[in-house]
């Protein structure tokens, strides 16, 4: 069976006809909807070739603007470094070979840094995001019969329970209103003997200095279209000092000044982590992640023990949880006899 057909089988429309606002030509929408084989006969709005089960104007609107402005910044094919691939391999517990010919739900796909790697590994990828980042994802990853992308809320995905071999959600759950509820819902999409793979911010991280906390409170009070402009301007003004301190870091007094500067600067600096990247990419990465850190409506943190507890309450087994990457990384398997359609209990 072709990949596109396999992915269309996952669709199970959860929206009601009266909630939909059709964009564009109705005949075009109808034709596209038929290819999705919606069992309830709903007219699903399609814009720019992407089915829209949710509005772009949500708490994730700033993320949509961000990823469409930095469409290629974190793609391994753009940076020339296996940064996304290595993170995905670590979270999966080894080689990406495990996803070959498997159905994968990538929840919160963003611009496609992981979508790209999953497709390259031979996975059947059903990608979704609440924000308009799906437009960047489609531009970066479209063209494969093993790929489907739509805009949808993770708590109301138009997919069948217990359908996917892997449900992968990286860099997302901490930004949702209720992380426990999000994990609970994601677990229901995992088929028996399938895997749920997630990560989450941890407590104790030193990324949010006082000045960043203050700036975040200011930026969250203004329209998302302005926050991106202001962050870009701020990074442009401060970046020359970041570069100068990096170039002269081998001088003892400069190294001391740089340590103090990084504790106070609102700009996220990846010279130490990814110093081999070209200067232009480091600059774009700094602007991207500074905006990401200062404009997320929700910024939850959890311990490894708390994430483990949620996975246990979902009835998952083979749970592996550790600190690494952006905080807590975890994966767990649904037992063979589980129906995979029961929503887990909350925290």
C-alpha atoms as a PDB file:
ATOM      1  CA  UNK A   1       0.000   0.000   0.000  1.00  0.00           C
ATOM      2  CA  UNK A   2       1.337   3.437  -0.904  1.00  0.00           C
ATOM      3  CA  UNK A   3       2.414   5.746   1.899  1.00  0.00           C
ATOM      4  CA  UNK A   4      -0.147   8.433   1.175  1.00  0.00           C
ATOM      5  CA  UNK A   5      -2.945   5.880   1.374  1.00  0.00           C
ATOM      6  CA  UNK A   6      -1.634   4.466   4.627  1.00  0.00           C
ATOM      7  CA  UNK A   7      -1.522   7.908   6.208  1.00  0.00           C
ATOM      8  CA  UNK A   8      -4.992   8.815   4.965  1.00  0.00           C
ATOM      9  CA  UNK A   9      -6.316   5.747   6.791  1.00  0.00           C
ATOM     10  CA  UNK A  10      -5.306   7.429  10.058  1.00  0.00           C
ATOM     11  CA  UNK A  11      -7.758  10.269   9.502  1.00  0.00           C
ATOM     12  CA  UNK A  12     -10.826  10.289  11.699  1.00  0.00           C
ATOM     13  CA  UNK A  13     -12.444  13.722  11.501  1.00  0.00           C
ATOM     14  CA  UNK A  14     -13.158  15.183  14.943  1.00  0.00           C
ATOM     15  CA  UNK A  15     -14.579  18.532  13.851  1.00  0.00           C
ATOM     16  CA  UNK A  16     -18.202  19.389  13.171  1.00  0.00           C
ATOM     17  CA  UNK A  17     -19.375  20.844   9.895  1.00  0.00           C
ATOM     18  CA  UNK A  18     -20.779  23.993  11.506  1.00  0.00           C
ATOM     19  CA  UNK A  19     -17.389  24.808  13.040  1.00  0.00           C
ATOM     20  CA  UNK A  20     -15.628  24.958   9.698  1.00  0.00           C
ATOM     21  CA  UNK A  21     -14.914  28.060   7.686  1.00  0.00           C
ATOM     22  CA  UNK A  22     -14.032  27.104   4.144  1.00  0.00           C
ATOM     23  CA  UNK A  23     -11.198  29.120   2.612  1.00  0.00           C
ATOM     24  CA  UNK A  24     -10.994  29.554  -1.132  1.00  0.00           C
ATOM     25  CA  UNK A  25     -12.895  27.722  -3.806  1.00  0.00           C
ATOM     26  CA  UNK A  26     -15.390  25.225  -2.391  1.00  0.00           C
ATOM     27  CA  UNK A  27     -14.878  22.871  -5.317  1.00  0.00           C
ATOM     28  CA  UNK A  28     -11.148  22.786  -4.641  1.00  0.00           C
ATOM     29  CA  UNK A  29     -11.795  22.047  -0.969  1.00  0.00           C
ATOM     30  CA  UNK A  30     -14.232  19.271  -1.827  1.00  0.00           C
ATOM     31  CA  UNK A  31     -11.761  17.619  -4.179  1.00  0.00           C
ATOM     32  CA  UNK A  32      -9.004  17.735  -1.572  1.00  0.00           C
ATOM     33  CA  UNK A  33     -11.300  16.451   1.157  1.00  0.00           C
ATOM     34  CA  UNK A  34     -12.239  13.401  -0.890  1.00  0.00           C
ATOM     35  CA  UNK A  35      -8.587  12.429  -1.142  1.00  0.00           C
ATOM     36  CA  UNK A  36      -8.496  12.461   2.685  1.00  0.00           C
ATOM     37  CA  UNK A  37     -11.402   9.991   2.844  1.00  0.00           C
ATOM     38  CA  UNK A  38     -13.050  11.676   5.837  1.00  0.00           C
ATOM     39  CA  UNK A  39     -15.536   9.070   7.152  1.00  0.00           C
ATOM     40  CA  UNK A  40     -17.956  11.735   8.379  1.00  0.00           C
ATOM     41  CA  UNK A  41     -18.145  13.596   5.080  1.00  0.00           C
ATOM     42  CA  UNK A  42     -16.940  16.889   6.575  1.00  0.00           C
ATOM     43  CA  UNK A  43     -15.813  19.712   4.301  1.00  0.00           C
ATOM     44  CA  UNK A  44     -12.338  20.308   5.689  1.00  0.00           C
ATOM     45  CA  UNK A  45     -10.872  23.753   4.869  1.00  0.00           C
ATOM     46  CA  UNK A  46      -7.690  23.571   2.843  1.00  0.00           C
ATOM     47  CA  UNK A  47      -5.332  26.493   2.404  1.00  0.00           C
ATOM     48  CA  UNK A  48      -2.001  26.383   0.578  1.00  0.00           C
ATOM     49  CA  UNK A  49      -2.513  22.652   0.143  1.00  0.00           C
ATOM     50  CA  UNK A  50      -2.777  22.007   3.893  1.00  0.00           C
ATOM     51  CA  UNK A  51      -5.935  20.721   5.656  1.00  0.00           C
ATOM     52  CA  UNK A  52      -6.777  23.091   8.502  1.00  0.00           C
ATOM     53  CA  UNK A  53      -8.478  21.521  11.520  1.00  0.00           C
ATOM     54  CA  UNK A  54      -7.530  24.490  13.737  1.00  0.00           C
ATOM     55  CA  UNK A  55      -7.120  28.242  13.472  1.00  0.00           C
ATOM     56  CA  UNK A  56      -3.688  29.862  13.255  1.00  0.00           C
ATOM     57  CA  UNK A  57      -4.815  32.497  15.757  1.00  0.00           C
ATOM     58  CA  UNK A  58      -4.161  30.582  18.965  1.00  0.00           C
ATOM     59  CA  UNK A  59      -1.695  30.662  21.851  1.00  0.00           C
ATOM     60  CA  UNK A  60       0.814  29.238  19.349  1.00  0.00           C
ATOM     61  CA  UNK A  61       0.523  32.127  16.867  1.00  0.00           C
ATOM     62  CA  UNK A  62       3.997  33.449  17.719  1.00  0.00           C
ATOM     63  CA  UNK A  63       5.499  30.041  16.989  1.00  0.00           C
ATOM     64  CA  UNK A  64       3.887  30.096  13.558  1.00  0.00           C
ATOM     65  CA  UNK A  65       5.440  33.450  12.721  1.00  0.00           C
ATOM     66  CA  UNK A  66       8.766  32.272  14.107  1.00  0.00           C
ATOM     67  CA  UNK A  67       9.014  29.068  12.084  1.00  0.00           C
ATOM     68  CA  UNK A  68       7.863  30.704   8.870  1.00  0.00           C
ATOM     69  CA  UNK A  69      10.557  33.364   9.365  1.00  0.00           C
ATOM     70  CA  UNK A  70      13.283  30.800  10.151  1.00  0.00           C
ATOM     71  CA  UNK A  71      12.129  27.959   7.896  1.00  0.00           C
ATOM     72  CA  UNK A  72      15.548  26.405   7.279  1.00  0.00           C
ATOM     73  CA  UNK A  73      17.593  27.506  10.285  1.00  0.00           C
ATOM     74  CA  UNK A  74      17.494  24.226  12.245  1.00  0.00           C
ATOM     75  CA  UNK A  75      17.340  21.813   9.314  1.00  0.00           C
ATOM     76  CA  UNK A  76      20.353  19.499   9.171  1.00  0.00           C
ATOM     77  CA  UNK A  77      20.269  19.774   5.371  1.00  0.00           C
ATOM     78  CA  UNK A  78      20.848  23.512   5.827  1.00  0.00           C
ATOM     79  CA  UNK A  79      23.372  23.569   8.679  1.00  0.00           C
ATOM     80  CA  UNK A  80      25.387  20.626   7.381  1.00  0.00           C
ATOM     81  CA  UNK A  81      25.541  19.252  10.922  1.00  0.00           C
ATOM     82  CA  UNK A  82      23.573  16.254  12.314  1.00  0.00           C
ATOM     83  CA  UNK A  83      22.178  18.248  15.249  1.00  0.00           C
ATOM     84  CA  UNK A  84      18.535  17.293  14.757  1.00  0.00           C
ATOM     85  CA  UNK A  85      19.358  13.733  13.746  1.00  0.00           C
ATOM     86  CA  UNK A  86      21.478  13.103  16.846  1.00  0.00           C
ATOM     87  CA  UNK A  87      18.786  14.499  19.136  1.00  0.00           C
ATOM     88  CA  UNK A  88      16.134  12.332  17.490  1.00  0.00           C
ATOM     89  CA  UNK A  89      18.340   9.224  17.682  1.00  0.00           C
ATOM     90  CA  UNK A  90      19.018   9.836  21.362  1.00  0.00           C
ATOM     91  CA  UNK A  91      15.329  10.205  22.158  1.00  0.00           C
ATOM     92  CA  UNK A  92      14.496   7.054  20.189  1.00  0.00           C
ATOM     93  CA  UNK A  93      17.244   5.165  21.985  1.00  0.00           C
ATOM     94  CA  UNK A  94      19.391   4.366  18.968  1.00  0.00           C
ATOM     95  CA  UNK A  95      19.395   4.232  15.186  1.00  0.00           C
ATOM     96  CA  UNK A  96      16.628   5.791  13.124  1.00  0.00           C
ATOM     97  CA  UNK A  97      16.316   2.416  11.393  1.00  0.00           C
ATOM     98  CA  UNK A  98      13.562   1.584  13.912  1.00  0.00           C
ATOM     99  CA  UNK A  99      11.141   3.940  12.104  1.00  0.00           C
ATOM    100  CA  UNK A 100      11.698   2.533   8.608  1.00  0.00           C
ATOM    101  CA  UNK A 101       8.338   1.621   7.041  1.00  0.00           C
ATOM    102  CA  UNK A 102       6.608   2.486  10.338  1.00  0.00           C
ATOM    103  CA  UNK A 103       3.747   4.918  10.840  1.00  0.00           C
ATOM    104  CA  UNK A 104       4.894   7.979  12.789  1.00  0.00           C
ATOM    105  CA  UNK A 105       2.755  10.750  14.225  1.00  0.00           C
ATOM    106  CA  UNK A 106       4.958  13.809  14.678  1.00  0.00           C
ATOM    107  CA  UNK A 107       2.976  16.024  17.033  1.00  0.00           C
ATOM    108  CA  UNK A 108       4.104  19.648  16.965  1.00  0.00           C
ATOM    109  CA  UNK A 109       6.169  19.311  13.800  1.00  0.00           C
ATOM    110  CA  UNK A 110       7.285  22.946  13.542  1.00  0.00           C
ATOM    111  CA  UNK A 111       9.288  23.758  10.428  1.00  0.00           C
ATOM    112  CA  UNK A 112      10.344  20.123   9.985  1.00  0.00           C
ATOM    113  CA  UNK A 113      13.768  19.620  11.551  1.00  0.00           C
ATOM    114  CA  UNK A 114      12.698  16.144  12.716  1.00  0.00           C
ATOM    115  CA  UNK A 115      10.222  15.529   9.885  1.00  0.00           C
ATOM    116  CA  UNK A 116      13.123  15.705   7.459  1.00  0.00           C
ATOM    117  CA  UNK A 117      15.076  13.073   9.379  1.00  0.00           C
ATOM    118  CA  UNK A 118      12.097  10.746   9.792  1.00  0.00           C
ATOM    119  CA  UNK A 119      11.337  10.829   6.080  1.00  0.00           C
ATOM    120  CA  UNK A 120      14.988  10.229   5.231  1.00  0.00           C
ATOM    121  CA  UNK A 121      14.884   7.170   7.505  1.00  0.00           C
ATOM    122  CA  UNK A 122      11.932   5.724   5.567  1.00  0.00           C
ATOM    123  CA  UNK A 123       9.097   6.479   8.000  1.00  0.00           C
ATOM    124  CA  UNK A 124       5.457   7.114   7.058  1.00  0.00           C
ATOM    125  CA  UNK A 125       5.106  10.569   8.639  1.00  0.00           C
ATOM    126  CA  UNK A 126       1.816  12.179   9.696  1.00  0.00           C
ATOM    127  CA  UNK A 127       2.986  15.666  10.746  1.00  0.00           C
ATOM    128  CA  UNK A 128       0.797  18.214  12.517  1.00  0.00           C
ATOM    129  CA  UNK A 129       1.104  21.497  14.366  1.00  0.00           C
ATOM    130  CA  UNK A 130      -1.332  23.918  15.974  1.00  0.00           C
ATOM    131  CA  UNK A 131       0.364  26.911  14.369  1.00  0.00           C
ATOM    132  CA  UNK A 132       0.957  28.056  10.806  1.00  0.00           C
ATOM    133  CA  UNK A 133       4.404  26.436  11.081  1.00  0.00           C
ATOM    134  CA  UNK A 134       2.845  23.658   8.977  1.00  0.00           C
ATOM    135  CA  UNK A 135       3.408  25.942   5.982  1.00  0.00           C
ATOM    136  CA  UNK A 136       7.161  25.943   6.588  1.00  0.00           C
ATOM    137  CA  UNK A 137       7.040  22.191   7.210  1.00  0.00           C
ATOM    138  CA  UNK A 138       5.311  21.554   3.897  1.00  0.00           C
ATOM    139  CA  UNK A 139       7.769  23.754   2.025  1.00  0.00           C
ATOM    140  CA  UNK A 140      10.707  21.904   3.584  1.00  0.00           C
ATOM    141  CA  UNK A 141       9.399  18.334   3.435  1.00  0.00           C
ATOM    142  CA  UNK A 142       6.698  17.943   0.774  1.00  0.00           C
ATOM    143  CA  UNK A 143       7.204  15.652  -2.196  1.00  0.00           C
ATOM    144  CA  UNK A 144       7.202  12.243  -0.553  1.00  0.00           C
ATOM    145  CA  UNK A 145       4.261   9.812  -0.755  1.00  0.00           C
ATOM    146  CA  UNK A 146       5.144   8.921   2.839  1.00  0.00           C
ATOM    147  CA  UNK A 147       4.287  12.418   4.090  1.00  0.00           C
ATOM    148  CA  UNK A 148       1.078  14.105   5.199  1.00  0.00           C
ATOM    149  CA  UNK A 149       0.796  17.403   7.072  1.00  0.00           C
ATOM    150  CA  UNK A 150      -2.163  19.219   8.610  1.00  0.00           C
ATOM    151  CA  UNK A 151      -2.853  22.026  11.066  1.00  0.00           C
ATOM    152  CA  UNK A 152      -4.550  20.653  14.172  1.00  0.00           C
ATOM    153  CA  UNK A 153      -4.750  20.855  17.960  1.00  0.00           C
ATOM    154  CA  UNK A 154      -2.851  18.029  19.695  1.00  0.00           C
ATOM    155  CA  UNK A 155      -5.832  17.488  21.988  1.00  0.00           C
ATOM    156  CA  UNK A 156      -8.209  17.120  19.037  1.00  0.00           C
ATOM    157  CA  UNK A 157      -6.173  15.473  16.322  1.00  0.00           C
ATOM    158  CA  UNK A 158      -8.212  14.081  13.427  1.00  0.00           C
ATOM    159  CA  UNK A 159      -6.624  10.638  13.745  1.00  0.00           C
ATOM    160  CA  UNK A 160      -7.738   7.219  14.866  1.00  0.00           C
ATOM    161  CA  UNK A 161      -6.781   6.049  18.375  1.00  0.00           C
ATOM    162  CA  UNK A 162      -4.152   3.339  18.536  1.00  0.00           C
ATOM    163  CA  UNK A 163      -2.993   3.795  14.938  1.00  0.00           C
ATOM    164  CA  UNK A 164       0.680   4.778  15.024  1.00  0.00           C
ATOM    165  CA  UNK A 165       3.826   2.725  15.599  1.00  0.00           C
ATOM    166  CA  UNK A 166       5.545   5.833  16.967  1.00  0.00           C
ATOM    167  CA  UNK A 167       4.144   9.045  18.390  1.00  0.00           C
ATOM    168  CA  UNK A 168       6.960  11.593  18.644  1.00  0.00           C
ATOM    169  CA  UNK A 169       6.593  14.990  20.326  1.00  0.00           C
ATOM    170  CA  UNK A 170       9.833  16.914  20.872  1.00  0.00           C
ATOM    171  CA  UNK A 171      10.171  20.516  22.007  1.00  0.00           C
ATOM    172  CA  UNK A 172       6.415  20.958  22.329  1.00  0.00           C
ATOM    173  CA  UNK A 173       4.708  19.621  25.454  1.00  0.00           C
ATOM    174  CA  UNK A 174       6.100  22.277  27.822  1.00  0.00           C
ATOM    175  CA  UNK A 175       4.424  24.924  25.656  1.00  0.00           C
ATOM    176  CA  UNK A 176       0.903  23.453  25.883  1.00  0.00           C
ATOM    177  CA  UNK A 177      -1.662  24.570  28.510  1.00  0.00           C
ATOM    178  CA  UNK A 178      -1.590  21.246  30.395  1.00  0.00           C
ATOM    179  CA  UNK A 179       1.447  18.988  29.782  1.00  0.00           C
ATOM    180  CA  UNK A 180      -0.098  16.002  31.583  1.00  0.00           C
ATOM    181  CA  UNK A 181      -3.258  16.186  29.498  1.00  0.00           C
ATOM    182  CA  UNK A 182      -1.156  16.490  26.343  1.00  0.00           C
ATOM    183  CA  UNK A 183       0.857  13.370  27.183  1.00  0.00           C
ATOM    184  CA  UNK A 184      -2.341  11.544  28.074  1.00  0.00           C
ATOM    185  CA  UNK A 185      -3.869  12.333  24.721  1.00  0.00           C
ATOM    186  CA  UNK A 186      -0.745  11.524  22.734  1.00  0.00           C
ATOM    187  CA  UNK A 187      -0.575   8.115  24.403  1.00  0.00           C
ATOM    188  CA  UNK A 188      -3.986   7.192  23.010  1.00  0.00           C
ATOM    189  CA  UNK A 189      -2.667   7.454  19.445  1.00  0.00           C
ATOM    190  CA  UNK A 190      -0.004   4.754  20.032  1.00  0.00           C
ATOM    191  CA  UNK A 191      -0.849   1.285  18.750  1.00  0.00           C
ATOM    192  CA  UNK A 192      -0.227  -1.833  20.866  1.00  0.00           C
ATOM    193  CA  UNK A 193       3.552  -2.460  21.063  1.00  0.00           C
ATOM    194  CA  UNK A 194       4.100   1.048  19.678  1.00  0.00           C
ATOM    195  CA  UNK A 195       6.194   3.786  21.279  1.00  0.00           C
ATOM    196  CA  UNK A 196       5.568   7.247  22.686  1.00  0.00           C
ATOM    197  CA  UNK A 197       8.666   9.489  22.541  1.00  0.00           C
ATOM    198  CA  UNK A 198       8.620  12.894  24.263  1.00  0.00           C
ATOM    199  CA  UNK A 199      10.758  15.510  25.945  1.00  0.00           C
ATOM    200  CA  UNK A 200      10.050  18.362  28.358  1.00  0.00           C
ATOM    201  CA  UNK A 201      11.772  21.290  30.034  1.00  0.00           C
ATOM    202  CA  UNK A 202      13.310  20.519  33.421  1.00  0.00           C
ATOM    203  CA  UNK A 203      13.469  22.509  36.645  1.00  0.00           C
ATOM    204  CA  UNK A 204      16.733  24.228  37.454  1.00  0.00           C
ATOM    205  CA  UNK A 205      17.541  25.246  33.908  1.00  0.00           C
ATOM    206  CA  UNK A 206      19.422  28.547  33.813  1.00  0.00           C
ATOM    207  CA  UNK A 207      18.114  29.718  30.465  1.00  0.00           C
ATOM    208  CA  UNK A 208      15.620  32.235  31.917  1.00  0.00           C
ATOM    209  CA  UNK A 209      17.670  34.988  33.540  1.00  0.00           C
ATOM    210  CA  UNK A 210      15.919  37.884  35.252  1.00  0.00           C
ATOM    211  CA  UNK A 211      16.207  40.122  32.236  1.00  0.00           C
ATOM    212  CA  UNK A 212      14.752  37.406  30.004  1.00  0.00           C
ATOM    213  CA  UNK A 213      11.881  36.891  32.413  1.00  0.00           C
ATOM    214  CA  UNK A 214      11.167  40.624  32.340  1.00  0.00           C
ATOM    215  CA  UNK A 215      11.370  40.823  28.556  1.00  0.00           C
ATOM    216  CA  UNK A 216       9.087  37.798  28.240  1.00  0.00           C
ATOM    217  CA  UNK A 217       6.433  39.541  30.345  1.00  0.00           C
ATOM    218  CA  UNK A 218       6.693  42.599  28.091  1.00  0.00           C
ATOM    219  CA  UNK A 219       6.613  40.707  24.792  1.00  0.00           C
ATOM    220  CA  UNK A 220       3.670  38.537  25.806  1.00  0.00           C
ATOM    221  CA  UNK A 221       1.647  41.699  26.289  1.00  0.00           C
ATOM    222  CA  UNK A 222       1.950  42.778  22.653  1.00  0.00           C
ATOM    223  CA  UNK A 223       0.783  41.318  19.313  1.00  0.00           C
ATOM    224  CA  UNK A 224       2.974  38.460  18.084  1.00  0.00           C
ATOM    225  CA  UNK A 225       3.732  40.301  14.843  1.00  0.00           C
ATOM    226  CA  UNK A 226       5.579  42.984  16.827  1.00  0.00           C
ATOM    227  CA  UNK A 227       7.421  40.678  19.207  1.00  0.00           C
ATOM    228  CA  UNK A 228       9.338  39.076  16.347  1.00  0.00           C
ATOM    229  CA  UNK A 229      10.355  42.487  15.004  1.00  0.00           C
ATOM    230  CA  UNK A 230      11.571  43.641  18.415  1.00  0.00           C
ATOM    231  CA  UNK A 231      13.516  40.448  19.091  1.00  0.00           C
ATOM    232  CA  UNK A 232      15.201  40.662  15.701  1.00  0.00           C
ATOM    233  CA  UNK A 233      16.220  44.234  16.421  1.00  0.00           C
ATOM    234  CA  UNK A 234      17.535  43.375  19.875  1.00  0.00           C
ATOM    235  CA  UNK A 235      19.617  40.480  18.582  1.00  0.00           C
ATOM    236  CA  UNK A 236      21.001  42.597  15.732  1.00  0.00           C
ATOM    237  CA  UNK A 237      22.108  45.273  18.232  1.00  0.00           C
ATOM    238  CA  UNK A 238      23.755  42.902  20.711  1.00  0.00           C
ATOM    239  CA  UNK A 239      25.192  40.276  18.392  1.00  0.00           C
ATOM    240  CA  UNK A 240      28.427  42.129  17.506  1.00  0.00           C
ATOM    241  CA  UNK A 241      29.410  42.073  21.189  1.00  0.00           C
ATOM    242  CA  UNK A 242      28.622  38.356  21.407  1.00  0.00           C
ATOM    243  CA  UNK A 243      30.850  37.703  18.402  1.00  0.00           C
ATOM    244  CA  UNK A 244      33.697  39.872  19.655  1.00  0.00           C
ATOM    245  CA  UNK A 245      33.741  38.190  23.058  1.00  0.00           C
ATOM    246  CA  UNK A 246      33.723  34.769  21.384  1.00  0.00           C
ATOM    247  CA  UNK A 247      36.633  35.591  19.087  1.00  0.00           C
ATOM    248  CA  UNK A 248      38.770  36.835  21.977  1.00  0.00           C
ATOM    249  CA  UNK A 249      37.613  34.302  24.562  1.00  0.00           C
ATOM    250  CA  UNK A 250      41.099  32.834  24.922  1.00  0.00           C
ATOM    251  CA  UNK A 251      42.274  35.948  26.738  1.00  0.00           C
ATOM    252  CA  UNK A 252      41.634  35.417  30.469  1.00  0.00           C
ATOM    253  CA  UNK A 253      40.088  38.804  31.142  1.00  0.00           C
ATOM    254  CA  UNK A 254      37.835  38.496  28.062  1.00  0.00           C
ATOM    255  CA  UNK A 255      36.728  35.024  29.143  1.00  0.00           C
ATOM    256  CA  UNK A 256      35.703  36.418  32.538  1.00  0.00           C
ATOM    257  CA  UNK A 257      33.814  39.287  30.910  1.00  0.00           C
ATOM    258  CA  UNK A 258      32.111  36.892  28.538  1.00  0.00           C
ATOM    259  CA  UNK A 259      30.887  34.663  31.373  1.00  0.00           C
ATOM    260  CA  UNK A 260      29.312  37.660  33.092  1.00  0.00           C
ATOM    261  CA  UNK A 261      27.881  38.969  29.829  1.00  0.00           C
ATOM    262  CA  UNK A 262      26.182  35.651  29.012  1.00  0.00           C
ATOM    263  CA  UNK A 263      24.551  35.750  32.439  1.00  0.00           C
ATOM    264  CA  UNK A 264      22.932  39.085  31.647  1.00  0.00           C
ATOM    265  CA  UNK A 265      22.415  39.221  27.893  1.00  0.00           C
ATOM    266  CA  UNK A 266      18.856  38.426  26.748  1.00  0.00           C
ATOM    267  CA  UNK A 267      20.243  36.794  23.600  1.00  0.00           C
ATOM    268  CA  UNK A 268      20.660  33.009  23.559  1.00  0.00           C
ATOM    269  CA  UNK A 269      24.209  32.265  22.438  1.00  0.00           C
ATOM    270  CA  UNK A 270      25.196  28.890  20.914  1.00  0.00           C
ATOM    271  CA  UNK A 271      28.864  29.562  20.226  1.00  0.00           C
ATOM    272  CA  UNK A 272      29.913  27.077  22.903  1.00  0.00           C
ATOM    273  CA  UNK A 273      27.503  24.352  21.766  1.00  0.00           C
ATOM    274  CA  UNK A 274      27.689  24.757  17.982  1.00  0.00           C
ATOM    275  CA  UNK A 275      30.806  26.815  17.395  1.00  0.00           C
ATOM    276  CA  UNK A 276      31.532  24.960  14.155  1.00  0.00           C
ATOM    277  CA  UNK A 277      28.427  26.383  12.494  1.00  0.00           C
ATOM    278  CA  UNK A 278      28.883  29.317  10.094  1.00  0.00           C
ATOM    279  CA  UNK A 279      28.488  32.742  11.701  1.00  0.00           C
ATOM    280  CA  UNK A 280      25.325  33.452   9.721  1.00  0.00           C
ATOM    281  CA  UNK A 281      23.685  30.264  10.989  1.00  0.00           C
ATOM    282  CA  UNK A 282      24.706  30.972  14.581  1.00  0.00           C
ATOM    283  CA  UNK A 283      23.173  34.424  14.263  1.00  0.00           C
ATOM    284  CA  UNK A 284      19.913  33.057  12.852  1.00  0.00           C
ATOM    285  CA  UNK A 285      19.820  30.369  15.547  1.00  0.00           C
ATOM    286  CA  UNK A 286      20.306  33.032  18.234  1.00  0.00           C
ATOM    287  CA  UNK A 287      17.439  35.146  16.879  1.00  0.00           C
ATOM    288  CA  UNK A 288      15.201  32.084  16.517  1.00  0.00           C
ATOM    289  CA  UNK A 289      15.725  30.662  19.992  1.00  0.00           C
ATOM    290  CA  UNK A 290      15.711  34.064  21.702  1.00  0.00           C
ATOM    291  CA  UNK A 291      12.271  34.672  20.224  1.00  0.00           C
ATOM    292  CA  UNK A 292      11.240  31.125  21.154  1.00  0.00           C
ATOM    293  CA  UNK A 293      12.284  31.605  24.782  1.00  0.00           C
ATOM    294  CA  UNK A 294      10.696  35.035  25.204  1.00  0.00           C
ATOM    295  CA  UNK A 295       7.325  34.615  23.486  1.00  0.00           C
ATOM    296  CA  UNK A 296       5.974  31.208  24.551  1.00  0.00           C
ATOM    297  CA  UNK A 297       2.651  31.696  26.332  1.00  0.00           C
ATOM    298  CA  UNK A 298       3.198  28.534  28.383  1.00  0.00           C
ATOM    299  CA  UNK A 299       6.585  27.498  29.786  1.00  0.00           C
ATOM    300  CA  UNK A 300       6.103  24.479  32.077  1.00  0.00           C
ATOM    301  CA  UNK A 301       8.871  22.490  33.751  1.00  0.00           C
ATOM    302  CA  UNK A 302       8.808  18.955  35.129  1.00  0.00           C
ATOM    303  CA  UNK A 303      11.149  16.500  36.841  1.00  0.00           C
ATOM    304  CA  UNK A 304      12.063  13.143  35.371  1.00  0.00           C
ATOM    305  CA  UNK A 305      10.018  11.518  38.133  1.00  0.00           C
ATOM    306  CA  UNK A 306       6.924  13.533  37.227  1.00  0.00           C
ATOM    307  CA  UNK A 307       7.179  12.558  33.560  1.00  0.00           C
ATOM    308  CA  UNK A 308       7.666   8.905  34.532  1.00  0.00           C
ATOM    309  CA  UNK A 309       4.545   9.034  36.713  1.00  0.00           C
ATOM    310  CA  UNK A 310       2.404  10.371  33.877  1.00  0.00           C
ATOM    311  CA  UNK A 311       3.609   7.624  31.538  1.00  0.00           C
ATOM    312  CA  UNK A 312       2.894   4.990  34.171  1.00  0.00           C
ATOM    313  CA  UNK A 313      -0.650   6.275  34.656  1.00  0.00           C
ATOM    314  CA  UNK A 314      -1.136   5.938  30.913  1.00  0.00           C
ATOM    315  CA  UNK A 315      -0.505   2.209  31.286  1.00  0.00           C
ATOM    316  CA  UNK A 316       2.711   2.327  29.279  1.00  0.00           C
ATOM    317  CA  UNK A 317       5.620  -0.023  29.961  1.00  0.00           C
ATOM    318  CA  UNK A 318       9.341  -0.185  29.227  1.00  0.00           C
ATOM    319  CA  UNK A 319       9.570   3.400  30.438  1.00  0.00           C
ATOM    320  CA  UNK A 320      12.958   5.089  30.038  1.00  0.00           C
ATOM    321  CA  UNK A 321      13.368   8.607  31.409  1.00  0.00           C
ATOM    322  CA  UNK A 322      16.558  10.639  31.709  1.00  0.00           C
ATOM    323  CA  UNK A 323      17.871  14.179  31.871  1.00  0.00           C
ATOM    324  CA  UNK A 324      19.405  15.367  28.633  1.00  0.00           C
ATOM    325  CA  UNK A 325      18.964  17.684  25.686  1.00  0.00           C
ATOM    326  CA  UNK A 326      16.415  20.380  26.530  1.00  0.00           C
ATOM    327  CA  UNK A 327      15.559  18.820  29.888  1.00  0.00           C
ATOM    328  CA  UNK A 328      13.771  15.498  30.382  1.00  0.00           C
ATOM    329  CA  UNK A 329      13.717  12.915  27.582  1.00  0.00           C
ATOM    330  CA  UNK A 330      11.430   9.887  27.776  1.00  0.00           C
ATOM    331  CA  UNK A 331      10.081   6.979  25.774  1.00  0.00           C
ATOM    332  CA  UNK A 332       7.605   4.245  26.675  1.00  0.00           C
ATOM    333  CA  UNK A 333       5.790   1.383  24.956  1.00  0.00           C
ATOM    334  CA  UNK A 334       2.116   0.455  24.891  1.00  0.00           C
ATOM    335  CA  UNK A 335       1.541  -3.168  25.979  1.00  0.00           C
ATOM    336  CA  UNK A 336       0.505  -5.646  23.305  1.00  0.00           C
ATOM    337  CA  UNK A 337      -2.947  -6.231  24.783  1.00  0.00           C
ATOM    338  CA  UNK A 338      -3.835  -2.564  25.257  1.00  0.00           C
ATOM    339  CA  UNK A 339      -6.590  -1.170  23.088  1.00  0.00           C
ATOM    340  CA  UNK A 340      -4.756   2.161  22.951  1.00  0.00           C
ATOM    341  CA  UNK A 341      -7.953   4.191  23.007  1.00  0.00           C
ATOM    342  CA  UNK A 342      -8.477   4.975  26.670  1.00  0.00           C
ATOM    343  CA  UNK A 343      -7.564   8.468  27.820  1.00  0.00           C
ATOM    344  CA  UNK A 344      -5.197   8.242  30.768  1.00  0.00           C
ATOM    345  CA  UNK A 345      -5.864   9.742  34.153  1.00  0.00           C
ATOM    346  CA  UNK A 346      -4.472  13.185  34.881  1.00  0.00           C
ATOM    347  CA  UNK A 347      -1.719  14.096  37.287  1.00  0.00           C
END
